[in-house]
Amino acid sequence: MATFTALTTLTGRDAAYALGEAMERLEPEPTGVGVFEMEDGSGLWEVGAYFEALPDDTALAVLAVAMKAKPFVVSELPDTDWVAHVRRELAPVEAGRFFVYGSHDADKVPVDCEPLLIEAAMAFGTGHHGTTLGCLRALDRLANDGFVGRRVIDVGCGTAVLAMAAARIWPEMVLASDIDEVAVEVAQANVVANGLTDRVTCVEAAGFDHPVLAAAAPFDLVFANILKGPLIALAPDMASAMQPGGYAILSGILNEQADEVIAVYAQSGINLIHSQSIVDWTTLTLQKKT
């Protein structure tokens, strides 16, 4: 069966989500719609949909004009089992003591590691992206230095791989939050698959705005693997939610954006102690003033 995609870009989160919702009402109906902020610092958002029949070019053109988006690019995808393809391409990832793998690689899990099962279908947060890998390495480094997290939160958790990694090595309950309802469902499914339901609590929240998060603060370790814009906006709230001497591991930052993020967090009293770049991405480890 042929599959078609229709993609466009535009400026503004609200406009992007409005366009995504409008696309869900198209005929033929899309099988899925995605809205993503582009990670190149341009401020653009990408909106796309999958169709099992050729989408209506006229309807797409009308939507693009109405929402001030670029004209849609429609493409036909080859008949490919993408999950099987990803399984072939994505080998397990080792990040210090952590071993991130899919169930198809369960026979490769070493005996002396902290295993984290993330299925191949859940592409972001599998550990292969430089941001996730950098955060896992930063966590391993802190633990090797003797730090023990007692109040830990993973903000914008995605697959919850970082929250689960912390729960693997420390005895306290770890919180995982995301603004996206589907992401929270994915996170919860991963927590169950890893046998960590009594160690990781997943909530839907924007930043730190949730009663469960407020009750758990102040945190001694905060993960935030999101993007530069949200990270900068989150700095004052993160400073309020962290205890003095606590750590923050931040990523989703392009290498050329790192200095700006470091400067913004320094203004909130959270200062850089370590930085690592992996390909195009930088992971920062910072500490709040005591």
C-alpha atoms as a PDB file:
ATOM      1  CA  MET A   1       0.000   0.000   0.000  1.00  0.00           C
ATOM      2  CA  ALA A   2       1.338   3.427  -0.964  1.00  0.00           C
ATOM      3  CA  THR A   3       1.887   5.995   1.757  1.00  0.00           C
ATOM      4  CA  PHE A   4       2.042   9.732   1.140  1.00  0.00           C
ATOM      5  CA  THR A   5       3.421  12.554   3.239  1.00  0.00           C
ATOM      6  CA  ALA A   6       2.529  16.246   3.160  1.00  0.00           C
ATOM      7  CA  LEU A   7       4.973  18.614   4.877  1.00  0.00           C
ATOM      8  CA  THR A   8       5.199  22.356   5.415  1.00  0.00           C
ATOM      9  CA  THR A   9       6.814  24.868   7.743  1.00  0.00           C
ATOM     10  CA  LEU A  10       5.570  28.052   9.393  1.00  0.00           C
ATOM     11  CA  THR A  11       6.357  30.417  12.238  1.00  0.00           C
ATOM     12  CA  GLY A  12       4.738  30.172  15.665  1.00  0.00           C
ATOM     13  CA  ARG A  13       3.723  27.339  17.966  1.00  0.00           C
ATOM     14  CA  ASP A  14       0.020  28.266  18.132  1.00  0.00           C
ATOM     15  CA  ALA A  15      -0.268  28.572  14.350  1.00  0.00           C
ATOM     16  CA  ALA A  16       1.518  25.248  13.891  1.00  0.00           C
ATOM     17  CA  TYR A  17      -0.805  23.385  16.232  1.00  0.00           C
ATOM     18  CA  ALA A  18      -3.846  25.061  14.667  1.00  0.00           C
ATOM     19  CA  LEU A  19      -2.679  23.874  11.254  1.00  0.00           C
ATOM     20  CA  GLY A  20      -2.113  20.369  12.613  1.00  0.00           C
ATOM     21  CA  GLU A  21      -5.657  20.268  13.979  1.00  0.00           C
ATOM     22  CA  ALA A  22      -7.045  21.519  10.654  1.00  0.00           C
ATOM     23  CA  MET A  23      -5.182  18.797   8.780  1.00  0.00           C
ATOM     24  CA  GLU A  24      -6.886  16.138  10.896  1.00  0.00           C
ATOM     25  CA  ARG A  25     -10.202  17.170   9.288  1.00  0.00           C
ATOM     26  CA  LEU A  26      -9.001  16.720   5.702  1.00  0.00           C
ATOM     27  CA  GLU A  27     -10.499  14.270   3.219  1.00  0.00           C
ATOM     28  CA  PRO A  28      -8.945  11.829   2.609  1.00  0.00           C
ATOM     29  CA  GLU A  29      -8.262  11.630   6.326  1.00  0.00           C
ATOM     30  CA  PRO A  30      -4.601  11.412   7.367  1.00  0.00           C
ATOM     31  CA  THR A  31      -3.448   8.407   9.366  1.00  0.00           C
ATOM     32  CA  GLY A  32      -1.304  10.656  11.545  1.00  0.00           C
ATOM     33  CA  VAL A  33      -0.379  14.311  12.006  1.00  0.00           C
ATOM     34  CA  GLY A  34       2.808  15.651  13.603  1.00  0.00           C
ATOM     35  CA  VAL A  35       3.797  19.119  14.805  1.00  0.00           C
ATOM     36  CA  PHE A  36       7.450  19.725  15.687  1.00  0.00           C
ATOM     37  CA  GLU A  37       9.654  22.713  16.459  1.00  0.00           C
ATOM     38  CA  MET A  38      12.662  22.554  14.171  1.00  0.00           C
ATOM     39  CA  GLU A  39      15.957  22.050  16.017  1.00  0.00           C
ATOM     40  CA  ASP A  40      18.054  24.457  13.952  1.00  0.00           C
ATOM     41  CA  GLY A  41      17.276  27.580  15.967  1.00  0.00           C
ATOM     42  CA  SER A  42      15.261  29.110  13.097  1.00  0.00           C
ATOM     43  CA  GLY A  43      12.034  29.454  15.101  1.00  0.00           C
ATOM     44  CA  LEU A  44      10.158  27.511  12.423  1.00  0.00           C
ATOM     45  CA  TRP A  45       7.742  24.663  13.090  1.00  0.00           C
ATOM     46  CA  GLU A  46       7.236  21.678  10.812  1.00  0.00           C
ATOM     47  CA  VAL A  47       3.737  20.299  10.307  1.00  0.00           C
ATOM     48  CA  GLY A  48       3.241  17.052   8.443  1.00  0.00           C
ATOM     49  CA  ALA A  49       0.810  14.222   7.912  1.00  0.00           C
ATOM     50  CA  TYR A  50       0.744  10.681   6.553  1.00  0.00           C
ATOM     51  CA  PHE A  51      -1.949   9.560   4.119  1.00  0.00           C
ATOM     52  CA  GLU A  52      -2.892   6.175   2.679  1.00  0.00           C
ATOM     53  CA  ALA A  53      -4.389   7.941  -0.368  1.00  0.00           C
ATOM     54  CA  LEU A  54      -3.071  10.896  -2.334  1.00  0.00           C
ATOM     55  CA  PRO A  55      -4.013  14.035  -0.360  1.00  0.00           C
ATOM     56  CA  ASP A  56      -6.105  16.805  -1.913  1.00  0.00           C
ATOM     57  CA  ASP A  57      -3.658  19.367  -3.342  1.00  0.00           C
ATOM     58  CA  THR A  58      -6.296  22.111  -3.390  1.00  0.00           C
ATOM     59  CA  ALA A  59      -7.245  21.596   0.244  1.00  0.00           C
ATOM     60  CA  LEU A  60      -3.589  21.651   1.263  1.00  0.00           C
ATOM     61  CA  ALA A  61      -2.974  24.841  -0.732  1.00  0.00           C
ATOM     62  CA  VAL A  62      -5.936  26.563   0.941  1.00  0.00           C
ATOM     63  CA  LEU A  63      -4.672  25.562   4.389  1.00  0.00           C
ATOM     64  CA  ALA A  64      -1.161  26.790   3.628  1.00  0.00           C
ATOM     65  CA  VAL A  65      -2.423  30.203   2.506  1.00  0.00           C
ATOM     66  CA  ALA A  66      -4.858  30.511   5.428  1.00  0.00           C
ATOM     67  CA  MET A  67      -2.177  29.672   8.017  1.00  0.00           C
ATOM     68  CA  LYS A  68       0.627  31.641   6.277  1.00  0.00           C
ATOM     69  CA  ALA A  69       2.648  28.473   5.819  1.00  0.00           C
ATOM     70  CA  LYS A  70       4.923  27.509   2.970  1.00  0.00           C
ATOM     71  CA  PRO A  71       3.308  25.427   0.197  1.00  0.00           C
ATOM     72  CA  PHE A  72       2.998  21.763   1.161  1.00  0.00           C
ATOM     73  CA  VAL A  73       5.467  19.292  -0.321  1.00  0.00           C
ATOM     74  CA  VAL A  74       3.720  15.997  -1.064  1.00  0.00           C
ATOM     75  CA  SER A  75       5.809  12.841  -1.465  1.00  0.00           C
ATOM     76  CA  GLU A  76       5.132   9.149  -1.926  1.00  0.00           C
ATOM     77  CA  LEU A  77       7.048   6.899   0.453  1.00  0.00           C
ATOM     78  CA  PRO A  78       8.416   3.504  -0.550  1.00  0.00           C
ATOM     79  CA  ASP A  79       6.683   0.453   0.896  1.00  0.00           C
ATOM     80  CA  THR A  80       9.082  -0.083   3.798  1.00  0.00           C
ATOM     81  CA  ASP A  81       8.723  -1.705   7.202  1.00  0.00           C
ATOM     82  CA  TRP A  82      10.233   1.258   9.045  1.00  0.00           C
ATOM     83  CA  VAL A  83      10.347  -0.363  12.472  1.00  0.00           C
ATOM     84  CA  ALA A  84      12.208  -3.356  11.010  1.00  0.00           C
ATOM     85  CA  HIS A  85      14.531  -0.928   9.226  1.00  0.00           C
ATOM     86  CA  VAL A  86      15.215   0.980  12.454  1.00  0.00           C
ATOM     87  CA  ARG A  87      15.893  -2.268  14.280  1.00  0.00           C
ATOM     88  CA  ARG A  88      18.545  -3.161  11.735  1.00  0.00           C
ATOM     89  CA  GLU A  89      20.154   0.284  11.872  1.00  0.00           C
ATOM     90  CA  LEU A  90      20.028   1.035  15.599  1.00  0.00           C
ATOM     91  CA  ALA A  91      22.533  -0.975  17.561  1.00  0.00           C
ATOM     92  CA  PRO A  92      22.421  -0.904  21.372  1.00  0.00           C
ATOM     93  CA  VAL A  93      23.969   2.181  22.958  1.00  0.00           C
ATOM     94  CA  GLU A  94      26.436   2.156  25.843  1.00  0.00           C
ATOM     95  CA  ALA A  95      26.793   5.310  27.952  1.00  0.00           C
ATOM     96  CA  GLY A  96      28.959   4.584  30.933  1.00  0.00           C
ATOM     97  CA  ARG A  97      27.133   2.045  33.065  1.00  0.00           C
ATOM     98  CA  PHE A  98      23.922   2.398  31.021  1.00  0.00           C
ATOM     99  CA  PHE A  99      22.950   0.090  28.144  1.00  0.00           C
ATOM    100  CA  VAL A 100      20.022   1.233  25.992  1.00  0.00           C
ATOM    101  CA  TYR A 101      18.542  -1.478  23.788  1.00  0.00           C
ATOM    102  CA  GLY A 102      15.447  -2.697  21.968  1.00  0.00           C
ATOM    103  CA  SER A 103      13.789  -6.024  22.753  1.00  0.00           C
ATOM    104  CA  HIS A 104      15.261  -7.452  19.511  1.00  0.00           C
ATOM    105  CA  ASP A 105      18.700  -7.028  21.147  1.00  0.00           C
ATOM    106  CA  ALA A 106      17.790  -8.476  24.548  1.00  0.00           C
ATOM    107  CA  ASP A 107      20.383 -11.213  24.100  1.00  0.00           C
ATOM    108  CA  LYS A 108      23.152  -8.589  23.914  1.00  0.00           C
ATOM    109  CA  VAL A 109      22.598  -7.008  27.339  1.00  0.00           C
ATOM    110  CA  PRO A 110      25.805  -7.290  29.409  1.00  0.00           C
ATOM    111  CA  VAL A 111      25.553  -8.675  32.923  1.00  0.00           C
ATOM    112  CA  ASP A 112      27.383  -5.744  34.535  1.00  0.00           C
ATOM    113  CA  CYS A 113      25.295  -2.820  33.222  1.00  0.00           C
ATOM    114  CA  GLU A 114      22.170  -0.826  34.023  1.00  0.00           C
ATOM    115  CA  PRO A 115      19.782  -1.919  31.219  1.00  0.00           C
ATOM    116  CA  LEU A 116      17.200   0.451  29.719  1.00  0.00           C
ATOM    117  CA  LEU A 117      14.681  -1.061  27.294  1.00  0.00           C
ATOM    118  CA  ILE A 118      13.410   1.409  24.682  1.00  0.00           C
ATOM    119  CA  GLU A 119      11.689   0.004  21.607  1.00  0.00           C
ATOM    120  CA  ALA A 120      12.892   1.017  18.151  1.00  0.00           C
ATOM    121  CA  ALA A 121       9.497   2.460  17.209  1.00  0.00           C
ATOM    122  CA  MET A 122      10.047   5.185  19.815  1.00  0.00           C
ATOM    123  CA  ALA A 123      12.793   6.954  17.881  1.00  0.00           C
ATOM    124  CA  PHE A 124      13.552   9.999  20.027  1.00  0.00           C
ATOM    125  CA  GLY A 125      15.084   9.058  23.333  1.00  0.00           C
ATOM    126  CA  THR A 126      16.581   5.743  22.253  1.00  0.00           C
ATOM    127  CA  GLY A 127      20.043   6.945  23.232  1.00  0.00           C
ATOM    128  CA  HIS A 128      21.315   7.246  19.659  1.00  0.00           C
ATOM    129  CA  HIS A 129      20.699  10.991  19.480  1.00  0.00           C
ATOM    130  CA  GLY A 130      23.599  13.085  20.753  1.00  0.00           C
ATOM    131  CA  THR A 131      21.381  14.848  23.277  1.00  0.00           C
ATOM    132  CA  THR A 132      20.172  11.704  25.046  1.00  0.00           C
ATOM    133  CA  LEU A 133      23.594  10.098  24.916  1.00  0.00           C
ATOM    134  CA  GLY A 134      25.149  13.238  26.375  1.00  0.00           C
ATOM    135  CA  CYS A 135      22.660  13.307  29.253  1.00  0.00           C
ATOM    136  CA  LEU A 136      23.283   9.648  30.098  1.00  0.00           C
ATOM    137  CA  ARG A 137      27.024  10.252  30.112  1.00  0.00           C
ATOM    138  CA  ALA A 138      26.579  13.310  32.344  1.00  0.00           C
ATOM    139  CA  LEU A 139      24.478  11.277  34.774  1.00  0.00           C
ATOM    140  CA  ASP A 140      27.091   8.521  34.835  1.00  0.00           C
ATOM    141  CA  ARG A 141      29.794  11.120  35.503  1.00  0.00           C
ATOM    142  CA  LEU A 142      27.913  12.640  38.455  1.00  0.00           C
ATOM    143  CA  ALA A 143      27.294   9.200  39.946  1.00  0.00           C
ATOM    144  CA  ASN A 144      30.963   8.284  39.530  1.00  0.00           C
ATOM    145  CA  ASP A 145      31.859  11.460  41.429  1.00  0.00           C
ATOM    146  CA  GLY A 146      29.790  10.258  44.381  1.00  0.00           C
ATOM    147  CA  PHE A 147      26.589  12.248  43.870  1.00  0.00           C
ATOM    148  CA  VAL A 148      23.383  10.475  44.941  1.00  0.00           C
ATOM    149  CA  GLY A 149      20.108  11.948  43.694  1.00  0.00           C
ATOM    150  CA  ARG A 150      17.295  12.011  46.250  1.00  0.00           C
ATOM    151  CA  ARG A 151      14.852  14.351  44.507  1.00  0.00           C
ATOM    152  CA  VAL A 152      15.167  13.892  40.750  1.00  0.00           C
ATOM    153  CA  ILE A 153      12.955  15.095  37.894  1.00  0.00           C
ATOM    154  CA  ASP A 154      13.130  14.618  34.122  1.00  0.00           C
ATOM    155  CA  VAL A 155      11.373  17.633  32.532  1.00  0.00           C
ATOM    156  CA  GLY A 156      10.226  17.080  28.947  1.00  0.00           C
ATOM    157  CA  CYS A 157      10.899  13.399  29.472  1.00  0.00           C
ATOM    158  CA  GLY A 158       9.929  11.948  26.073  1.00  0.00           C
ATOM    159  CA  THR A 159      10.580   8.220  26.433  1.00  0.00           C
ATOM    160  CA  ALA A 160      11.559   8.742  30.123  1.00  0.00           C
ATOM    161  CA  VAL A 161      14.923   7.122  29.466  1.00  0.00           C
ATOM    162  CA  LEU A 162      16.721   9.650  31.702  1.00  0.00           C
ATOM    163  CA  ALA A 163      14.256   9.267  34.568  1.00  0.00           C
ATOM    164  CA  MET A 164      14.572   5.493  34.326  1.00  0.00           C
ATOM    165  CA  ALA A 165      18.363   5.701  34.276  1.00  0.00           C
ATOM    166  CA  ALA A 166      18.309   7.663  37.538  1.00  0.00           C
ATOM    167  CA  ALA A 167      15.834   5.189  39.042  1.00  0.00           C
ATOM    168  CA  ARG A 168      18.162   2.318  38.140  1.00  0.00           C
ATOM    169  CA  ILE A 169      21.006   3.635  40.287  1.00  0.00           C
ATOM    170  CA  TRP A 170      19.324   5.503  43.153  1.00  0.00           C
ATOM    171  CA  PRO A 171      16.648   4.313  45.599  1.00  0.00           C
ATOM    172  CA  GLU A 172      14.320   7.340  45.658  1.00  0.00           C
ATOM    173  CA  MET A 173      11.228   7.947  43.506  1.00  0.00           C
ATOM    174  CA  VAL A 174      12.000   9.821  40.263  1.00  0.00           C
ATOM    175  CA  LEU A 175       9.516  12.119  38.513  1.00  0.00           C
ATOM    176  CA  ALA A 176       9.093  12.308  34.735  1.00  0.00           C
ATOM    177  CA  SER A 177       6.998  15.047  33.159  1.00  0.00           C
ATOM    178  CA  ASP A 178       6.098  16.125  29.647  1.00  0.00           C
ATOM    179  CA  ILE A 179       3.775  18.725  28.178  1.00  0.00           C
ATOM    180  CA  ASP A 180       2.551  16.225  25.563  1.00  0.00           C
ATOM    181  CA  GLU A 181      -0.107  13.693  26.556  1.00  0.00           C
ATOM    182  CA  VAL A 182       1.139  11.076  24.089  1.00  0.00           C
ATOM    183  CA  ALA A 183       4.707  11.438  25.363  1.00  0.00           C
ATOM    184  CA  VAL A 184       3.485  10.792  28.913  1.00  0.00           C
ATOM    185  CA  GLU A 185       1.710   7.637  27.716  1.00  0.00           C
ATOM    186  CA  VAL A 186       4.894   6.469  25.972  1.00  0.00           C
ATOM    187  CA  ALA A 187       6.919   7.238  29.092  1.00  0.00           C
ATOM    188  CA  GLN A 188       4.523   5.265  31.277  1.00  0.00           C
ATOM    189  CA  ALA A 189       4.639   2.302  28.893  1.00  0.00           C
ATOM    190  CA  ASN A 190       8.435   2.316  29.040  1.00  0.00           C
ATOM    191  CA  VAL A 191       8.398   2.509  32.826  1.00  0.00           C
ATOM    192  CA  VAL A 192       6.166  -0.578  32.913  1.00  0.00           C
ATOM    193  CA  ALA A 193       8.333  -2.426  30.365  1.00  0.00           C
ATOM    194  CA  ASN A 194      11.406  -1.759  32.510  1.00  0.00           C
ATOM    195  CA  GLY A 195       9.768  -2.880  35.739  1.00  0.00           C
ATOM    196  CA  LEU A 196      10.081   0.570  37.322  1.00  0.00           C
ATOM    197  CA  THR A 197       6.452   1.388  38.138  1.00  0.00           C
ATOM    198  CA  ASP A 198       7.316   1.708  41.823  1.00  0.00           C
ATOM    199  CA  ARG A 199      10.283   3.978  41.093  1.00  0.00           C
ATOM    200  CA  VAL A 200       9.176   6.435  38.360  1.00  0.00           C
ATOM    201  CA  THR A 201       6.033   8.587  38.367  1.00  0.00           C
ATOM    202  CA  CYS A 202       4.950  10.150  35.049  1.00  0.00           C
ATOM    203  CA  VAL A 203       2.804  13.300  34.925  1.00  0.00           C
ATOM    204  CA  GLU A 204       1.571  15.659  32.221  1.00  0.00           C
ATOM    205  CA  ALA A 205       2.873  19.131  33.027  1.00  0.00           C
ATOM    206  CA  ALA A 206       4.239  22.302  31.462  1.00  0.00           C
ATOM    207  CA  GLY A 207       7.617  22.861  33.062  1.00  0.00           C
ATOM    208  CA  PHE A 208       7.280  22.627  36.832  1.00  0.00           C
ATOM    209  CA  ASP A 209       3.597  23.604  36.867  1.00  0.00           C
ATOM    210  CA  HIS A 210       1.957  20.600  38.540  1.00  0.00           C
ATOM    211  CA  PRO A 211       0.936  19.887  42.163  1.00  0.00           C
ATOM    212  CA  VAL A 212       2.941  16.635  42.243  1.00  0.00           C
ATOM    213  CA  LEU A 213       6.080  18.463  41.115  1.00  0.00           C
ATOM    214  CA  ALA A 214       5.532  21.343  43.512  1.00  0.00           C
ATOM    215  CA  ALA A 215       5.158  18.905  46.411  1.00  0.00           C
ATOM    216  CA  ALA A 216       8.412  17.120  45.507  1.00  0.00           C
ATOM    217  CA  ALA A 217      10.542  20.255  45.143  1.00  0.00           C
ATOM    218  CA  PRO A 218      13.232  21.353  45.755  1.00  0.00           C
ATOM    219  CA  PHE A 219      15.091  18.987  43.443  1.00  0.00           C
ATOM    220  CA  ASP A 220      18.749  18.072  43.717  1.00  0.00           C
ATOM    221  CA  LEU A 221      18.906  16.935  40.063  1.00  0.00           C
ATOM    222  CA  VAL A 222      16.910  18.192  37.087  1.00  0.00           C
ATOM    223  CA  PHE A 223      17.134  16.748  33.568  1.00  0.00           C
ATOM    224  CA  ALA A 224      15.828  18.949  30.760  1.00  0.00           C
ATOM    225  CA  ASN A 225      16.582  17.546  27.320  1.00  0.00           C
ATOM    226  CA  ILE A 226      14.364  19.840  25.282  1.00  0.00           C
ATOM    227  CA  LEU A 227      15.370  22.786  23.034  1.00  0.00           C
ATOM    228  CA  LYS A 228      17.152  26.113  23.484  1.00  0.00           C
ATOM    229  CA  GLY A 229      14.028  28.281  23.516  1.00  0.00           C
ATOM    230  CA  PRO A 230      12.118  26.310  26.163  1.00  0.00           C
ATOM    231  CA  LEU A 231      15.312  25.876  28.199  1.00  0.00           C
ATOM    232  CA  ILE A 232      15.887  29.619  28.325  1.00  0.00           C
ATOM    233  CA  ALA A 233      12.256  30.274  29.259  1.00  0.00           C
ATOM    234  CA  LEU A 234      12.471  27.636  31.982  1.00  0.00           C
ATOM    235  CA  ALA A 235      15.577  29.026  33.719  1.00  0.00           C
ATOM    236  CA  PRO A 236      13.892  31.146  36.443  1.00  0.00           C
ATOM    237  CA  ASP A 237      11.399  28.402  37.333  1.00  0.00           C
ATOM    238  CA  MET A 238      14.171  25.808  37.406  1.00  0.00           C
ATOM    239  CA  ALA A 239      16.218  27.967  39.748  1.00  0.00           C
ATOM    240  CA  SER A 240      13.226  28.211  42.091  1.00  0.00           C
ATOM    241  CA  ALA A 241      12.625  24.453  41.921  1.00  0.00           C
ATOM    242  CA  MET A 242      16.258  23.446  42.630  1.00  0.00           C
ATOM    243  CA  GLN A 243      17.852  23.190  46.023  1.00  0.00           C
ATOM    244  CA  PRO A 244      21.145  25.018  46.652  1.00  0.00           C
ATOM    245  CA  GLY A 245      24.008  22.880  45.420  1.00  0.00           C
ATOM    246  CA  GLY A 246      21.678  20.890  43.172  1.00  0.00           C
ATOM    247  CA  TYR A 247      22.551  19.919  39.623  1.00  0.00           C
ATOM    248  CA  ALA A 248      20.904  20.420  36.230  1.00  0.00           C
ATOM    249  CA  ILE A 249      21.707  18.370  33.132  1.00  0.00           C
ATOM    250  CA  LEU A 250      20.526  20.258  30.049  1.00  0.00           C
ATOM    251  CA  SER A 251      20.551  19.290  26.392  1.00  0.00           C
ATOM    252  CA  GLY A 252      18.689  19.737  23.128  1.00  0.00           C
ATOM    253  CA  ILE A 253      21.222  22.534  22.551  1.00  0.00           C
ATOM    254  CA  LEU A 254      23.055  23.015  19.268  1.00  0.00           C
ATOM    255  CA  ASN A 255      26.762  23.625  19.793  1.00  0.00           C
ATOM    256  CA  GLU A 256      26.537  27.248  18.714  1.00  0.00           C
ATOM    257  CA  GLN A 257      23.658  27.867  21.173  1.00  0.00           C
ATOM    258  CA  ALA A 258      25.491  26.631  24.274  1.00  0.00           C
ATOM    259  CA  ASP A 259      27.071  29.937  25.326  1.00  0.00           C
ATOM    260  CA  GLU A 260      23.700  31.695  25.311  1.00  0.00           C
ATOM    261  CA  VAL A 261      22.091  28.999  27.468  1.00  0.00           C
ATOM    262  CA  ILE A 262      25.048  29.049  29.873  1.00  0.00           C
ATOM    263  CA  ALA A 263      24.774  32.839  30.244  1.00  0.00           C
ATOM    264  CA  VAL A 264      21.016  32.764  30.899  1.00  0.00           C
ATOM    265  CA  TYR A 265      21.338  30.089  33.576  1.00  0.00           C
ATOM    266  CA  ALA A 266      24.238  31.933  35.226  1.00  0.00           C
ATOM    267  CA  GLN A 267      21.912  34.917  35.662  1.00  0.00           C
ATOM    268  CA  SER A 268      19.634  32.595  37.680  1.00  0.00           C
ATOM    269  CA  GLY A 269      22.506  31.378  39.839  1.00  0.00           C
ATOM    270  CA  ILE A 270      22.997  28.044  38.039  1.00  0.00           C
ATOM    271  CA  ASN A 271      26.555  27.807  36.779  1.00  0.00           C
ATOM    272  CA  LEU A 272      28.374  25.546  34.321  1.00  0.00           C
ATOM    273  CA  ILE A 273      30.603  22.801  35.724  1.00  0.00           C
ATOM    274  CA  HIS A 274      30.921  20.558  32.646  1.00  0.00           C
ATOM    275  CA  SER A 275      30.143  20.646  28.927  1.00  0.00           C
ATOM    276  CA  GLN A 276      30.302  17.904  26.303  1.00  0.00           C
ATOM    277  CA  SER A 277      29.618  18.112  22.574  1.00  0.00           C
ATOM    278  CA  ILE A 278      28.526  15.069  20.564  1.00  0.00           C
ATOM    279  CA  VAL A 279      28.404  15.818  16.833  1.00  0.00           C
ATOM    280  CA  ASP A 280      26.110  18.905  16.570  1.00  0.00           C
ATOM    281  CA  TRP A 281      24.765  18.834  20.125  1.00  0.00           C
ATOM    282  CA  THR A 282      26.006  20.071  23.495  1.00  0.00           C
ATOM    283  CA  THR A 283      25.063  18.727  26.918  1.00  0.00           C
ATOM    284  CA  LEU A 284      25.593  20.995  29.921  1.00  0.00           C
ATOM    285  CA  THR A 285      25.982  20.020  33.550  1.00  0.00           C
ATOM    286  CA  LEU A 286      25.345  22.978  35.857  1.00  0.00           C
ATOM    287  CA  GLN A 287      25.123  23.514  39.612  1.00  0.00           C
ATOM    288  CA  LYS A 288      23.036  25.962  41.606  1.00  0.00           C
ATOM    289  CA  LYS A 289      24.927  28.246  43.974  1.00  0.00           C
ATOM    290  CA  THR A 290      24.893  27.174  47.612  1.00  0.00           C
END
